[in-house]
Amino acid sequence: MMKQSMAERVESKLRAALTPTHLEVINESHQHSSGPGAESHFKVIVVSPLFEGKNLIEQQRLVYSALAEELKAAIHALTLKTVPPSKWQAAAAAYESPACRGGSKS
């Protein structure tokens, strides 16, 4: 069996925990001080019916709970966009990542 990439692992765990109607897991490590092939900085856009009626903090706690093991060891940065399906159509175009300001590169 082939080892899953961190992005695949994140996607698998979020699909199992949140049954999303939309999920994007984007490896943004190349935009930071990470070396080639790094998998430590991710952007996740997730639309889940489990988010309906929950505030942003409650939504993000569901994601953090699903990825607890990865956040302890492998993931250095996680940008989250959590959206309930009832708000997804209006919000979909607004989720662009900010440019990295260099971090430890400067």
C-alpha atoms as a PDB file:
ATOM      1  CA  MET A   1       0.000   0.000   0.000  1.00  0.00           C
ATOM      2  CA  MET A   2       1.316   3.429  -0.944  1.00  0.00           C
ATOM      3  CA  LYS A   3       1.725   6.034   1.786  1.00  0.00           C
ATOM      4  CA  GLN A   4      -0.808   8.886   1.672  1.00  0.00           C
ATOM      5  CA  SER A   5       0.450  12.404   1.227  1.00  0.00           C
ATOM      6  CA  MET A   6      -0.457  14.778   4.046  1.00  0.00           C
ATOM      7  CA  ALA A   7      -2.979  16.515   1.747  1.00  0.00           C
ATOM      8  CA  GLU A   8      -4.646  13.162   1.028  1.00  0.00           C
ATOM      9  CA  ARG A   9      -4.688  12.328   4.719  1.00  0.00           C
ATOM     10  CA  VAL A  10      -6.263  15.695   5.592  1.00  0.00           C
ATOM     11  CA  GLU A  11      -8.875  15.247   2.868  1.00  0.00           C
ATOM     12  CA  SER A  12      -9.695  11.701   3.971  1.00  0.00           C
ATOM     13  CA  LYS A  13     -10.105  12.665   7.616  1.00  0.00           C
ATOM     14  CA  LEU A  14     -12.259  15.703   6.840  1.00  0.00           C
ATOM     15  CA  ARG A  15     -14.486  13.716   4.473  1.00  0.00           C
ATOM     16  CA  ALA A  16     -15.029  11.078   7.157  1.00  0.00           C
ATOM     17  CA  ALA A  17     -15.664  13.533   9.995  1.00  0.00           C
ATOM     18  CA  LEU A  18     -17.633  16.298   8.256  1.00  0.00           C
ATOM     19  CA  THR A  19     -19.361  14.717   5.217  1.00  0.00           C
ATOM     20  CA  PRO A  20     -18.671  17.895   3.218  1.00  0.00           C
ATOM     21  CA  THR A  21     -20.599  18.977   0.144  1.00  0.00           C
ATOM     22  CA  HIS A  22     -17.463  20.837  -0.993  1.00  0.00           C
ATOM     23  CA  LEU A  23     -13.869  20.304   0.123  1.00  0.00           C
ATOM     24  CA  GLU A  24     -10.589  21.746  -1.111  1.00  0.00           C
ATOM     25  CA  VAL A  25      -7.269  20.902   0.525  1.00  0.00           C
ATOM     26  CA  ILE A  26      -4.525  23.072  -0.938  1.00  0.00           C
ATOM     27  CA  ASN A  27      -0.859  22.595  -0.064  1.00  0.00           C
ATOM     28  CA  GLU A  28       0.569  26.107   0.258  1.00  0.00           C
ATOM     29  CA  SER A  29       3.940  25.027   1.644  1.00  0.00           C
ATOM     30  CA  HIS A  30       5.743  26.253  -1.489  1.00  0.00           C
ATOM     31  CA  GLN A  31       4.681  29.816  -0.586  1.00  0.00           C
ATOM     32  CA  HIS A  32       6.572  29.664   2.696  1.00  0.00           C
ATOM     33  CA  SER A  33      10.044  28.780   3.936  1.00  0.00           C
ATOM     34  CA  SER A  34       9.395  25.090   3.464  1.00  0.00           C
ATOM     35  CA  GLY A  35      11.744  22.979   1.374  1.00  0.00           C
ATOM     36  CA  PRO A  36      10.830  21.143  -1.819  1.00  0.00           C
ATOM     37  CA  GLY A  37       8.082  18.567  -1.342  1.00  0.00           C
ATOM     38  CA  ALA A  38       7.080  19.980   2.048  1.00  0.00           C
ATOM     39  CA  GLU A  39       3.570  19.415   3.350  1.00  0.00           C
ATOM     40  CA  SER A  40       3.275  21.679   6.353  1.00  0.00           C
ATOM     41  CA  HIS A  41       1.117  24.666   5.276  1.00  0.00           C
ATOM     42  CA  PHE A  42      -2.436  24.060   4.084  1.00  0.00           C
ATOM     43  CA  LYS A  43      -5.528  25.978   3.116  1.00  0.00           C
ATOM     44  CA  VAL A  44      -8.782  24.109   3.609  1.00  0.00           C
ATOM     45  CA  ILE A  45     -12.128  25.239   2.251  1.00  0.00           C
ATOM     46  CA  VAL A  46     -14.884  23.040   3.615  1.00  0.00           C
ATOM     47  CA  VAL A  47     -18.644  23.265   3.258  1.00  0.00           C
ATOM     48  CA  SER A  48     -20.451  20.934   5.619  1.00  0.00           C
ATOM     49  CA  PRO A  49     -24.038  20.528   6.761  1.00  0.00           C
ATOM     50  CA  LEU A  50     -22.574  20.001  10.246  1.00  0.00           C
ATOM     51  CA  PHE A  51     -21.730  23.726  10.270  1.00  0.00           C
ATOM     52  CA  GLU A  52     -25.375  24.858   9.996  1.00  0.00           C
ATOM     53  CA  GLY A  53     -26.404  26.780  13.103  1.00  0.00           C
ATOM     54  CA  LYS A  54     -22.844  26.893  14.458  1.00  0.00           C
ATOM     55  CA  ASN A  55     -20.707  29.983  14.804  1.00  0.00           C
ATOM     56  CA  LEU A  56     -17.291  30.212  13.158  1.00  0.00           C
ATOM     57  CA  ILE A  57     -15.387  29.050  16.237  1.00  0.00           C
ATOM     58  CA  GLU A  58     -17.622  25.987  16.611  1.00  0.00           C
ATOM     59  CA  GLN A  59     -17.168  25.165  12.909  1.00  0.00           C
ATOM     60  CA  GLN A  60     -13.404  25.437  13.134  1.00  0.00           C
ATOM     61  CA  ARG A  61     -13.298  23.320  16.300  1.00  0.00           C
ATOM     62  CA  LEU A  62     -14.895  20.492  14.318  1.00  0.00           C
ATOM     63  CA  VAL A  63     -12.052  20.726  11.785  1.00  0.00           C
ATOM     64  CA  TYR A  64      -9.367  20.936  14.484  1.00  0.00           C
ATOM     65  CA  SER A  65     -10.857  17.908  16.203  1.00  0.00           C
ATOM     66  CA  ALA A  66     -10.765  15.868  12.989  1.00  0.00           C
ATOM     67  CA  LEU A  67      -7.129  16.857  12.364  1.00  0.00           C
ATOM     68  CA  ALA A  68      -5.849  16.780  15.957  1.00  0.00           C
ATOM     69  CA  GLU A  69      -3.099  14.235  15.274  1.00  0.00           C
ATOM     70  CA  GLU A  70      -1.802  16.064  12.188  1.00  0.00           C
ATOM     71  CA  LEU A  71      -1.834  19.443  13.939  1.00  0.00           C
ATOM     72  CA  LYS A  72       0.299  18.076  16.783  1.00  0.00           C
ATOM     73  CA  ALA A  73       3.046  16.802  14.525  1.00  0.00           C
ATOM     74  CA  ALA A  74       3.046  17.586  10.817  1.00  0.00           C
ATOM     75  CA  ILE A  75       0.959  20.651  10.022  1.00  0.00           C
ATOM     76  CA  HIS A  76       2.628  23.957  10.850  1.00  0.00           C
ATOM     77  CA  ALA A  77      -0.057  26.293   9.463  1.00  0.00           C
ATOM     78  CA  LEU A  78      -3.706  25.784   8.589  1.00  0.00           C
ATOM     79  CA  THR A  79      -5.862  28.424   6.922  1.00  0.00           C
ATOM     80  CA  LEU A  80      -9.525  27.521   7.329  1.00  0.00           C
ATOM     81  CA  LYS A  81     -12.582  28.645   5.452  1.00  0.00           C
ATOM     82  CA  THR A  82     -15.565  26.867   6.967  1.00  0.00           C
ATOM     83  CA  VAL A  83     -18.985  27.498   5.484  1.00  0.00           C
ATOM     84  CA  PRO A  84     -22.435  25.994   5.995  1.00  0.00           C
ATOM     85  CA  PRO A  85     -24.133  24.984   2.715  1.00  0.00           C
ATOM     86  CA  SER A  86     -26.792  27.694   3.138  1.00  0.00           C
ATOM     87  CA  LYS A  87     -24.085  30.372   2.805  1.00  0.00           C
ATOM     88  CA  TRP A  88     -21.762  28.704   0.276  1.00  0.00           C
ATOM     89  CA  GLN A  89     -23.134  30.179  -2.967  1.00  0.00           C
ATOM     90  CA  ALA A  90     -22.674  33.745  -1.737  1.00  0.00           C
ATOM     91  CA  ALA A  91     -19.243  33.065  -0.260  1.00  0.00           C
ATOM     92  CA  ALA A  92     -17.528  30.813  -2.819  1.00  0.00           C
ATOM     93  CA  ALA A  93     -15.697  33.526  -4.779  1.00  0.00           C
ATOM     94  CA  ALA A  94     -14.264  35.268  -1.726  1.00  0.00           C
ATOM     95  CA  TYR A  95     -11.740  32.624  -0.648  1.00  0.00           C
ATOM     96  CA  GLU A  96      -8.331  33.621  -1.937  1.00  0.00           C
ATOM     97  CA  SER A  97      -5.223  33.130   0.215  1.00  0.00           C
ATOM     98  CA  PRO A  98      -3.191  36.172   1.240  1.00  0.00           C
ATOM     99  CA  ALA A  99       0.342  36.506  -0.117  1.00  0.00           C
ATOM    100  CA  CYS A 100       3.066  35.273   2.220  1.00  0.00           C
ATOM    101  CA  ARG A 101       5.116  38.131   3.692  1.00  0.00           C
ATOM    102  CA  GLY A 102       8.292  36.069   3.907  1.00  0.00           C
ATOM    103  CA  GLY A 103       8.281  34.752   7.452  1.00  0.00           C
ATOM    104  CA  SER A 104      11.753  33.437   8.215  1.00  0.00           C
ATOM    105  CA  LYS A 105      12.976  34.325   4.720  1.00  0.00           C
ATOM    106  CA  SER A 106      13.671  37.929   5.724  1.00  0.00           C
END
